[in-house]
Full PDB file with SEQRES, HELIX, SHEET, SSBOND, CRYST1, ORIGX, SCALE, CONECT and MASTER records, all heavy atoms in Angstrom:
SEQRES   1 A   37  ASP ARG GLY ALA GLN PHE GLY PHE ARG ASN ASP ALA ALA          
SEQRES   2 A   37  VAL SER ALA GLY SER PHE PRO THR ALA ILE MET PHE TYR          
SEQRES   3 A   37  THR GLY SER SER SER ALA ASN LEU LYS GLU GLY                  
HELIX    1 AA1 SER A   31  ASN A   33  5                                   3    
SHEET    1 AA1 2 ALA A   4  ASN A  10  0                                        
SHEET    2 AA1 2 THR A  21  THR A  27 -1                                        
CRYST1    1.000    1.000    1.000  90.00  90.00  90.00 P 1           1          
ORIGX1      1.000000  0.000000  0.000000        0.00000                         
ORIGX2      0.000000  1.000000  0.000000        0.00000                         
ORIGX3      0.000000  0.000000  1.000000        0.00000                         
SCALE1      1.000000  0.000000  0.000000        0.00000                         
SCALE2      0.000000  1.000000  0.000000        0.00000                         
SCALE3      0.000000  0.000000  1.000000        0.00000                         
ATOM      1  N   ASP A   1      14.152  -6.254   9.390  1.00  0.00           N  
ATOM      2  CA  ASP A   1      13.009  -6.677   8.588  1.00  0.00           C  
ATOM      3  C   ASP A   1      11.819  -5.780   8.919  1.00  0.00           C  
ATOM      4  O   ASP A   1      11.792  -5.104   9.937  1.00  0.00           O  
ATOM      5  CB  ASP A   1      12.679  -8.141   8.898  1.00  0.00           C  
ATOM      6  CG  ASP A   1      11.793  -8.776   7.835  1.00  0.00           C  
ATOM      7  OD1 ASP A   1      11.482  -8.093   6.839  1.00  0.00           O  
ATOM      8  OD2 ASP A   1      11.413  -9.944   8.012  1.00  0.00           O  
ATOM      9  N   ARG A   2      10.795  -5.809   8.057  1.00  0.00           N  
ATOM     10  CA  ARG A   2       9.602  -4.987   8.247  1.00  0.00           C  
ATOM     11  C   ARG A   2       8.534  -5.755   9.002  1.00  0.00           C  
ATOM     12  O   ARG A   2       8.238  -6.898   8.674  1.00  0.00           O  
ATOM     13  CB  ARG A   2       9.032  -4.540   6.900  1.00  0.00           C  
ATOM     14  CG  ARG A   2       9.847  -3.497   6.183  1.00  0.00           C  
ATOM     15  CD  ARG A   2       9.279  -3.264   4.793  1.00  0.00           C  
ATOM     16  NE  ARG A   2       9.444  -4.442   3.948  1.00  0.00           N  
ATOM     17  CZ  ARG A   2       8.775  -4.639   2.815  1.00  0.00           C  
ATOM     18  NH1 ARG A   2       7.866  -3.775   2.416  1.00  0.00           N  
ATOM     19  NH2 ARG A   2       8.992  -5.713   2.088  1.00  0.00           N  
ATOM     20  N   GLY A   3       7.936  -5.108  10.003  1.00  0.00           N  
ATOM     21  CA  GLY A   3       6.825  -5.702  10.719  1.00  0.00           C  
ATOM     22  C   GLY A   3       5.517  -5.004  10.401  1.00  0.00           C  
ATOM     23  O   GLY A   3       4.440  -5.545  10.664  1.00  0.00           O  
ATOM     24  N   ALA A   4       5.598  -3.805   9.858  1.00  0.00           N  
ATOM     25  CA  ALA A   4       4.398  -3.045   9.492  1.00  0.00           C  
ATOM     26  C   ALA A   4       4.816  -1.885   8.602  1.00  0.00           C  
ATOM     27  O   ALA A   4       5.974  -1.455   8.612  1.00  0.00           O  
ATOM     28  CB  ALA A   4       3.675  -2.524  10.731  1.00  0.00           C  
ATOM     29  N   GLN A   5       3.860  -1.366   7.851  1.00  0.00           N  
ATOM     30  CA  GLN A   5       4.110  -0.188   7.037  1.00  0.00           C  
ATOM     31  C   GLN A   5       2.790   0.428   6.622  1.00  0.00           C  
ATOM     32  O   GLN A   5       1.751  -0.240   6.620  1.00  0.00           O  
ATOM     33  CB  GLN A   5       4.924  -0.526   5.787  1.00  0.00           C  
ATOM     34  CG  GLN A   5       4.191  -1.377   4.758  1.00  0.00           C  
ATOM     35  CD  GLN A   5       5.040  -1.732   3.560  1.00  0.00           C  
ATOM     36  OE1 GLN A   5       6.244  -1.970   3.672  1.00  0.00           O  
ATOM     37  NE2 GLN A   5       4.427  -1.760   2.378  1.00  0.00           N  
ATOM     38  N   PHE A   6       2.820   1.720   6.333  1.00  0.00           N  
ATOM     39  CA  PHE A   6       1.671   2.340   5.692  1.00  0.00           C  
ATOM     40  C   PHE A   6       2.188   3.346   4.678  1.00  0.00           C  
ATOM     41  O   PHE A   6       3.305   3.856   4.790  1.00  0.00           O  
ATOM     42  CB  PHE A   6       0.706   3.000   6.700  1.00  0.00           C  
ATOM     43  CG  PHE A   6       1.194   4.296   7.297  1.00  0.00           C  
ATOM     44  CD1 PHE A   6       0.870   5.508   6.710  1.00  0.00           C  
ATOM     45  CD2 PHE A   6       1.954   4.300   8.452  1.00  0.00           C  
ATOM     46  CE1 PHE A   6       1.309   6.699   7.255  1.00  0.00           C  
ATOM     47  CE2 PHE A   6       2.401   5.493   9.018  1.00  0.00           C  
ATOM     48  CZ  PHE A   6       2.074   6.694   8.420  1.00  0.00           C  
ATOM     49  N   GLY A   7       1.379   3.589   3.672  1.00  0.00           N  
ATOM     50  CA  GLY A   7       1.849   4.491   2.635  1.00  0.00           C  
ATOM     51  C   GLY A   7       0.783   4.787   1.620  1.00  0.00           C  
ATOM     52  O   GLY A   7      -0.415   4.554   1.832  1.00  0.00           O  
ATOM     53  N   PHE A   8       1.225   5.278   0.477  1.00  0.00           N  
ATOM     54  CA  PHE A   8       0.344   5.810  -0.554  1.00  0.00           C  
ATOM     55  C   PHE A   8       0.618   5.078  -1.854  1.00  0.00           C  
ATOM     56  O   PHE A   8       1.770   4.956  -2.277  1.00  0.00           O  
ATOM     57  CB  PHE A   8       0.590   7.311  -0.716  1.00  0.00           C  
ATOM     58  CG  PHE A   8       0.704   8.031   0.604  1.00  0.00           C  
ATOM     59  CD1 PHE A   8       1.947   8.303   1.155  1.00  0.00           C  
ATOM     60  CD2 PHE A   8      -0.425   8.403   1.304  1.00  0.00           C  
ATOM     61  CE1 PHE A   8       2.058   8.946   2.381  1.00  0.00           C  
ATOM     62  CE2 PHE A   8      -0.327   9.042   2.526  1.00  0.00           C  
ATOM     63  CZ  PHE A   8       0.915   9.319   3.067  1.00  0.00           C  
ATOM     64  N   ARG A   9      -0.479   4.610  -2.496  1.00  0.00           N  
ATOM     65  CA  ARG A   9      -0.311   3.783  -3.678  1.00  0.00           C  
ATOM     66  C   ARG A   9      -1.496   3.958  -4.615  1.00  0.00           C  
ATOM     67  O   ARG A   9      -2.622   4.148  -4.173  1.00  0.00           O  
ATOM     68  CB  ARG A   9      -0.207   2.317  -3.259  1.00  0.00           C  
ATOM     69  CG  ARG A   9       0.223   1.358  -4.370  1.00  0.00           C  
ATOM     70  CD  ARG A   9       0.260  -0.060  -3.851  1.00  0.00           C  
ATOM     71  NE  ARG A   9       0.807  -0.983  -4.838  1.00  0.00           N  
ATOM     72  CZ  ARG A   9       0.817  -2.295  -4.695  1.00  0.00           C  
ATOM     73  NH1 ARG A   9       0.305  -2.843  -3.611  1.00  0.00           N  
ATOM     74  NH2 ARG A   9       1.331  -3.070  -5.627  1.00  0.00           N  
ATOM     75  N   ASN A  10      -1.232   3.875  -5.903  1.00  0.00           N  
ATOM     76  CA  ASN A  10      -2.301   3.948  -6.897  1.00  0.00           C  
ATOM     77  C   ASN A  10      -3.258   2.771  -6.731  1.00  0.00           C  
ATOM     78  O   ASN A  10      -2.832   1.649  -6.486  1.00  0.00           O  
ATOM     79  CB  ASN A  10      -1.690   3.935  -8.291  1.00  0.00           C  
ATOM     80  CG  ASN A  10      -2.710   3.593  -9.350  1.00  0.00           C  
ATOM     81  OD1 ASN A  10      -2.742   2.475  -9.827  1.00  0.00           O  
ATOM     82  ND2 ASN A  10      -3.555   4.544  -9.695  1.00  0.00           N  
ATOM     83  N   ASP A  11      -4.577   3.022  -6.860  1.00  0.00           N  
ATOM     84  CA  ASP A  11      -5.545   1.933  -6.725  1.00  0.00           C  
ATOM     85  C   ASP A  11      -6.637   1.954  -7.789  1.00  0.00           C  
ATOM     86  O   ASP A  11      -7.663   1.283  -7.637  1.00  0.00           O  
ATOM     87  CB  ASP A  11      -6.184   1.955  -5.327  1.00  0.00           C  
ATOM     88  CG  ASP A  11      -7.139   3.127  -5.138  1.00  0.00           C  
ATOM     89  OD1 ASP A  11      -7.043   4.115  -5.902  1.00  0.00           O  
ATOM     90  OD2 ASP A  11      -7.974   3.061  -4.217  1.00  0.00           O  
ATOM     91  N   ALA A  12      -6.444   2.720  -8.843  1.00  0.00           N  
ATOM     92  CA  ALA A  12      -7.440   2.757  -9.925  1.00  0.00           C  
ATOM     93  C   ALA A  12      -6.730   3.113 -11.225  1.00  0.00           C  
ATOM     94  O   ALA A  12      -5.522   3.371 -11.242  1.00  0.00           O  
ATOM     95  CB  ALA A  12      -8.543   3.761  -9.608  1.00  0.00           C  
ATOM     96  N   ALA A  13      -7.489   3.146 -12.304  1.00  0.00           N  
ATOM     97  CA  ALA A  13      -6.902   3.387 -13.622  1.00  0.00           C  
ATOM     98  C   ALA A  13      -6.185   4.725 -13.692  1.00  0.00           C  
ATOM     99  O   ALA A  13      -6.659   5.730 -13.152  1.00  0.00           O  
ATOM    100  CB  ALA A  13      -7.994   3.323 -14.686  1.00  0.00           C  
ATOM    101  N   VAL A  14      -5.040   4.736 -14.346  1.00  0.00           N  
ATOM    102  CA  VAL A  14      -4.226   5.941 -14.511  1.00  0.00           C  
ATOM    103  C   VAL A  14      -4.540   6.568 -15.856  1.00  0.00           C  
ATOM    104  O   VAL A  14      -4.691   5.879 -16.862  1.00  0.00           O  
ATOM    105  CB  VAL A  14      -2.726   5.596 -14.434  1.00  0.00           C  
ATOM    106  CG1 VAL A  14      -1.879   6.848 -14.656  1.00  0.00           C  
ATOM    107  CG2 VAL A  14      -2.404   4.946 -13.102  1.00  0.00           C  
ATOM    108  N   SER A  15      -4.651   7.887 -15.874  1.00  0.00           N  
ATOM    109  CA  SER A  15      -4.841   8.601 -17.130  1.00  0.00           C  
ATOM    110  C   SER A  15      -4.080   9.911 -17.051  1.00  0.00           C  
ATOM    111  O   SER A  15      -3.519  10.252 -16.001  1.00  0.00           O  
ATOM    112  CB  SER A  15      -6.330   8.860 -17.402  1.00  0.00           C  
ATOM    113  OG  SER A  15      -6.901   9.644 -16.369  1.00  0.00           O  
ATOM    114  N   ALA A  16      -4.054  10.653 -18.127  1.00  0.00           N  
ATOM    115  CA  ALA A  16      -3.306  11.912 -18.161  1.00  0.00           C  
ATOM    116  C   ALA A  16      -3.830  12.858 -17.083  1.00  0.00           C  
ATOM    117  O   ALA A  16      -5.024  13.172 -17.034  1.00  0.00           O  
ATOM    118  CB  ALA A  16      -3.443  12.566 -19.530  1.00  0.00           C  
ATOM    119  N   GLY A  17      -2.954  13.289 -16.191  1.00  0.00           N  
ATOM    120  CA  GLY A  17      -3.332  14.220 -15.143  1.00  0.00           C  
ATOM    121  C   GLY A  17      -4.122  13.611 -14.001  1.00  0.00           C  
ATOM    122  O   GLY A  17      -4.628  14.331 -13.143  1.00  0.00           O  
ATOM    123  N   SER A  18      -4.242  12.274 -13.957  1.00  0.00           N  
ATOM    124  CA  SER A  18      -5.026  11.620 -12.909  1.00  0.00           C  
ATOM    125  C   SER A  18      -4.315  10.370 -12.424  1.00  0.00           C  
ATOM    126  O   SER A  18      -4.059   9.442 -13.198  1.00  0.00           O  
ATOM    127  CB  SER A  18      -6.422  11.250 -13.435  1.00  0.00           C  
ATOM    128  OG  SER A  18      -7.162  10.549 -12.453  1.00  0.00           O  
ATOM    129  N   PHE A  19      -4.005  10.335 -11.143  1.00  0.00           N  
ATOM    130  CA  PHE A  19      -3.356   9.173 -10.527  1.00  0.00           C  
ATOM    131  C   PHE A  19      -4.070   8.889  -9.215  1.00  0.00           C  
ATOM    132  O   PHE A  19      -3.650   9.331  -8.151  1.00  0.00           O  
ATOM    133  CB  PHE A  19      -1.867   9.453 -10.294  1.00  0.00           C  
ATOM    134  CG  PHE A  19      -1.083   8.237  -9.884  1.00  0.00           C  
ATOM    135  CD1 PHE A  19      -0.646   7.335 -10.843  1.00  0.00           C  
ATOM    136  CD2 PHE A  19      -0.786   7.987  -8.553  1.00  0.00           C  
ATOM    137  CE1 PHE A  19       0.074   6.207 -10.473  1.00  0.00           C  
ATOM    138  CE2 PHE A  19      -0.073   6.864  -8.182  1.00  0.00           C  
ATOM    139  CZ  PHE A  19       0.363   5.967  -9.145  1.00  0.00           C  
ATOM    140  N   PRO A  20      -5.222   8.191  -9.254  1.00  0.00           N  
ATOM    141  CA  PRO A  20      -6.003   7.937  -8.035  1.00  0.00           C  
ATOM    142  C   PRO A  20      -5.156   7.231  -6.979  1.00  0.00           C  
ATOM    143  O   PRO A  20      -4.567   6.176  -7.254  1.00  0.00           O  
ATOM    144  CB  PRO A  20      -7.140   7.034  -8.526  1.00  0.00           C  
ATOM    145  CG  PRO A  20      -7.239   7.322  -9.990  1.00  0.00           C  
ATOM    146  CD  PRO A  20      -5.843   7.577 -10.438  1.00  0.00           C  
ATOM    147  N   THR A  21      -5.092   7.798  -5.787  1.00  0.00           N  
ATOM    148  CA  THR A  21      -4.171   7.312  -4.768  1.00  0.00           C  
ATOM    149  C   THR A  21      -4.902   6.948  -3.487  1.00  0.00           C  
ATOM    150  O   THR A  21      -5.756   7.704  -3.016  1.00  0.00           O  
ATOM    151  CB  THR A  21      -3.100   8.365  -4.470  1.00  0.00           C  
ATOM    152  OG1 THR A  21      -2.434   8.708  -5.687  1.00  0.00           O  
ATOM    153  CG2 THR A  21      -2.071   7.846  -3.480  1.00  0.00           C  
ATOM    154  N   ALA A  22      -4.565   5.800  -2.933  1.00  0.00           N  
ATOM    155  CA  ALA A  22      -5.147   5.329  -1.681  1.00  0.00           C  
ATOM    156  C   ALA A  22      -4.097   5.378  -0.580  1.00  0.00           C  
ATOM    157  O   ALA A  22      -2.897   5.408  -0.840  1.00  0.00           O  
ATOM    158  CB  ALA A  22      -5.656   3.900  -1.841  1.00  0.00           C  
ATOM    159  N   ILE A  23      -4.579   5.398   0.685  1.00  0.00           N  
ATOM    160  CA  ILE A  23      -3.705   5.232   1.845  1.00  0.00           C  
ATOM    161  C   ILE A  23      -3.898   3.805   2.326  1.00  0.00           C  
ATOM    162  O   ILE A  23      -5.025   3.388   2.595  1.00  0.00           O  
ATOM    163  CB  ILE A  23      -4.042   6.227   2.962  1.00  0.00           C  
ATOM    164  CG1 ILE A  23      -3.983   7.659   2.434  1.00  0.00           C  
ATOM    165  CG2 ILE A  23      -3.079   6.063   4.138  1.00  0.00           C  
ATOM    166  CD1 ILE A  23      -4.418   8.703   3.449  1.00  0.00           C  
ATOM    167  N   MET A  24      -2.813   3.051   2.451  1.00  0.00           N  
ATOM    168  CA  MET A  24      -2.900   1.634   2.761  1.00  0.00           C  
ATOM    169  C   MET A  24      -2.054   1.293   3.975  1.00  0.00           C  
ATOM    170  O   MET A  24      -0.942   1.795   4.130  1.00  0.00           O  
ATOM    171  CB  MET A  24      -2.452   0.811   1.559  1.00  0.00           C  
ATOM    172  CG  MET A  24      -3.318   1.073   0.339  1.00  0.00           C  
ATOM    173  SD  MET A  24      -2.712   0.232  -1.116  1.00  0.00           S  
ATOM    174  CE  MET A  24      -3.979   0.718  -2.302  1.00  0.00           C  
ATOM    175  N   PHE A  25      -2.589   0.416   4.837  1.00  0.00           N  
ATOM    176  CA  PHE A  25      -1.931   0.027   6.076  1.00  0.00           C  
ATOM    177  C   PHE A  25      -1.689  -1.478   6.067  1.00  0.00           C  
ATOM    178  O   PHE A  25      -2.615  -2.262   5.859  1.00  0.00           O  
ATOM    179  CB  PHE A  25      -2.802   0.405   7.277  1.00  0.00           C  
ATOM    180  CG  PHE A  25      -3.069   1.881   7.399  1.00  0.00           C  
ATOM    181  CD1 PHE A  25      -4.059   2.482   6.633  1.00  0.00           C  
ATOM    182  CD2 PHE A  25      -2.323   2.671   8.261  1.00  0.00           C  
ATOM    183  CE1 PHE A  25      -4.314   3.846   6.737  1.00  0.00           C  
ATOM    184  CE2 PHE A  25      -2.569   4.031   8.365  1.00  0.00           C  
ATOM    185  CZ  PHE A  25      -3.550   4.628   7.603  1.00  0.00           C  
ATOM    186  N   TYR A  26      -0.430  -1.878   6.268  1.00  0.00           N  
ATOM    187  CA  TYR A  26      -0.040  -3.276   6.250  1.00  0.00           C  
ATOM    188  C   TYR A  26       0.520  -3.674   7.621  1.00  0.00           C  
ATOM    189  O   TYR A  26       1.282  -2.911   8.230  1.00  0.00           O  
ATOM    190  CB  TYR A  26       1.055  -3.524   5.213  1.00  0.00           C  
ATOM    191  CG  TYR A  26       0.659  -3.261   3.783  1.00  0.00           C  
ATOM    192  CD1 TYR A  26       0.695  -1.971   3.252  1.00  0.00           C  
ATOM    193  CD2 TYR A  26       0.270  -4.302   2.947  1.00  0.00           C  
ATOM    194  CE1 TYR A  26       0.333  -1.732   1.934  1.00  0.00           C  
ATOM    195  CE2 TYR A  26      -0.085  -4.070   1.628  1.00  0.00           C  
ATOM    196  CZ  TYR A  26      -0.048  -2.788   1.122  1.00  0.00           C  
ATOM    197  OH  TYR A  26      -0.402  -2.549  -0.178  1.00  0.00           O  
ATOM    198  N   THR A  27       0.162  -4.872   8.084  1.00  0.00           N  
ATOM    199  CA  THR A  27       0.741  -5.400   9.311  1.00  0.00           C  
ATOM    200  C   THR A  27       1.104  -6.859   9.098  1.00  0.00           C  
ATOM    201  O   THR A  27       0.624  -7.516   8.177  1.00  0.00           O  
ATOM    202  CB  THR A  27      -0.243  -5.290  10.497  1.00  0.00           C  
ATOM    203  OG1 THR A  27      -1.471  -5.950  10.151  1.00  0.00           O  
ATOM    204  CG2 THR A  27      -0.529  -3.838  10.843  1.00  0.00           C  
ATOM    205  N   GLY A  28       1.952  -7.389   9.990  1.00  0.00           N  
ATOM    206  CA  GLY A  28       2.378  -8.776   9.924  1.00  0.00           C  
ATOM    207  C   GLY A  28       3.496  -8.986  10.913  1.00  0.00           C  
ATOM    208  O   GLY A  28       3.713  -8.174  11.816  1.00  0.00           O  
ATOM    209  N   SER A  29       4.235 -10.078  10.750  1.00  0.00           N  
ATOM    210  CA  SER A  29       5.371 -10.338  11.625  1.00  0.00           C  
ATOM    211  C   SER A  29       6.694 -10.241  10.886  1.00  0.00           C  
ATOM    212  O   SER A  29       7.753 -10.248  11.505  1.00  0.00           O  
ATOM    213  CB  SER A  29       5.236 -11.724  12.264  1.00  0.00           C  
ATOM    214  OG  SER A  29       5.185 -12.731  11.262  1.00  0.00           O  
ATOM    215  N   SER A  30       6.643 -10.155   9.554  1.00  0.00           N  
ATOM    216  CA  SER A  30       7.847  -9.999   8.747  1.00  0.00           C  
ATOM    217  C   SER A  30       7.437  -9.507   7.375  1.00  0.00           C  
ATOM    218  O   SER A  30       6.256  -9.522   7.029  1.00  0.00           O  
ATOM    219  CB  SER A  30       8.611 -11.318   8.621  1.00  0.00           C  
ATOM    220  OG  SER A  30       7.896 -12.223   7.800  1.00  0.00           O  
ATOM    221  N   SER A  31       8.412  -9.096   6.581  1.00  0.00           N  
ATOM    222  CA  SER A  31       8.098  -8.600   5.242  1.00  0.00           C  
ATOM    223  C   SER A  31       7.499  -9.698   4.368  1.00  0.00           C  
ATOM    224  O   SER A  31       6.772  -9.416   3.418  1.00  0.00           O  
ATOM    225  CB  SER A  31       9.361  -8.040   4.579  1.00  0.00           C  
ATOM    226  OG  SER A  31      10.378  -9.028   4.513  1.00  0.00           O  
ATOM    227  N   ALA A  32       7.777 -10.966   4.717  1.00  0.00           N  
ATOM    228  CA  ALA A  32       7.275 -12.075   3.913  1.00  0.00           C  
ATOM    229  C   ALA A  32       5.772 -12.273   4.075  1.00  0.00           C  
ATOM    230  O   ALA A  32       5.129 -12.864   3.202  1.00  0.00           O  
ATOM    231  CB  ALA A  32       8.004 -13.368   4.280  1.00  0.00           C  
ATOM    232  N   ASN A  33       5.190 -11.812   5.186  1.00  0.00           N  
ATOM    233  CA  ASN A  33       3.763 -12.049   5.389  1.00  0.00           C  
ATOM    234  C   ASN A  33       2.983 -10.770   5.694  1.00  0.00           C  
ATOM    235  O   ASN A  33       1.918 -10.825   6.310  1.00  0.00           O  
ATOM    236  CB  ASN A  33       3.527 -13.094   6.491  1.00  0.00           C  
ATOM    237  CG  ASN A  33       4.056 -12.642   7.844  1.00  0.00           C  
ATOM    238  OD1 ASN A  33       4.239 -11.454   8.098  1.00  0.00           O  
ATOM    239  ND2 ASN A  33       4.284 -13.590   8.725  1.00  0.00           N  
ATOM    240  N   LEU A  34       3.483  -9.628   5.261  1.00  0.00           N  
ATOM    241  CA  LEU A  34       2.720  -8.396   5.432  1.00  0.00           C  
ATOM    242  C   LEU A  34       1.417  -8.484   4.649  1.00  0.00           C  
ATOM    243  O   LEU A  34       1.401  -8.894   3.493  1.00  0.00           O  
ATOM    244  CB  LEU A  34       3.520  -7.185   4.935  1.00  0.00           C  
ATOM    245  CG  LEU A  34       4.633  -6.646   5.830  1.00  0.00           C  
ATOM    246  CD1 LEU A  34       5.286  -5.451   5.164  1.00  0.00           C  
ATOM    247  CD2 LEU A  34       4.115  -6.268   7.201  1.00  0.00           C  
ATOM    248  N   LYS A  35       0.322  -8.109   5.299  1.00  0.00           N  
ATOM    249  CA  LYS A  35      -0.984  -8.110   4.653  1.00  0.00           C  
ATOM    250  C   LYS A  35      -1.616  -6.732   4.825  1.00  0.00           C  
ATOM    251  O   LYS A  35      -1.441  -6.077   5.848  1.00  0.00           O  
ATOM    252  CB  LYS A  35      -1.904  -9.167   5.270  1.00  0.00           C  
ATOM    253  CG  LYS A  35      -1.345 -10.585   5.245  1.00  0.00           C  
ATOM    254  CD  LYS A  35      -1.230 -11.129   3.840  1.00  0.00           C  
ATOM    255  CE  LYS A  35      -0.761 -12.584   3.855  1.00  0.00           C  
ATOM    256  NZ  LYS A  35      -0.630 -13.146   2.503  1.00  0.00           N  
ATOM    257  N   GLU A  36      -2.356  -6.336   3.815  1.00  0.00           N  
ATOM    258  CA  GLU A  36      -3.052  -5.061   3.894  1.00  0.00           C  
ATOM    259  C   GLU A  36      -4.308  -5.238   4.741  1.00  0.00           C  
ATOM    260  O   GLU A  36      -5.226  -5.963   4.371  1.00  0.00           O  
ATOM    261  CB  GLU A  36      -3.421  -4.556   2.498  1.00  0.00           C  
ATOM    262  CG  GLU A  36      -4.078  -3.185   2.524  1.00  0.00           C  
ATOM    263  CD  GLU A  36      -4.576  -2.767   1.147  1.00  0.00           C  
ATOM    264  OE1 GLU A  36      -4.162  -3.383   0.151  1.00  0.00           O  
ATOM    265  OE2 GLU A  36      -5.391  -1.844   1.088  1.00  0.00           O  
ATOM    266  N   GLY A  37      -4.358  -4.560   5.890  1.00  0.00           N  
ATOM    267  CA  GLY A  37      -5.480  -4.707   6.796  1.00  0.00           C  
ATOM    268  C   GLY A  37      -6.468  -3.567   6.747  1.00  0.00           C  
ATOM    269  O   GLY A  37      -7.604  -3.708   7.196  1.00  0.00           O  
TER     270      GLY A  37                                                      
MASTER        0    0    0    1    2    0    0    6  269    1    0    3          
END                                                                             
């Protein structure tokens, strides 16, 4: 099971040639309760 993860994800409107991307960090004790911290 997952206890933490970080990665890259879109966080704003998408348009042609533009995909605004954020770096996001999640922690928790299992995949069921991962929260973005």
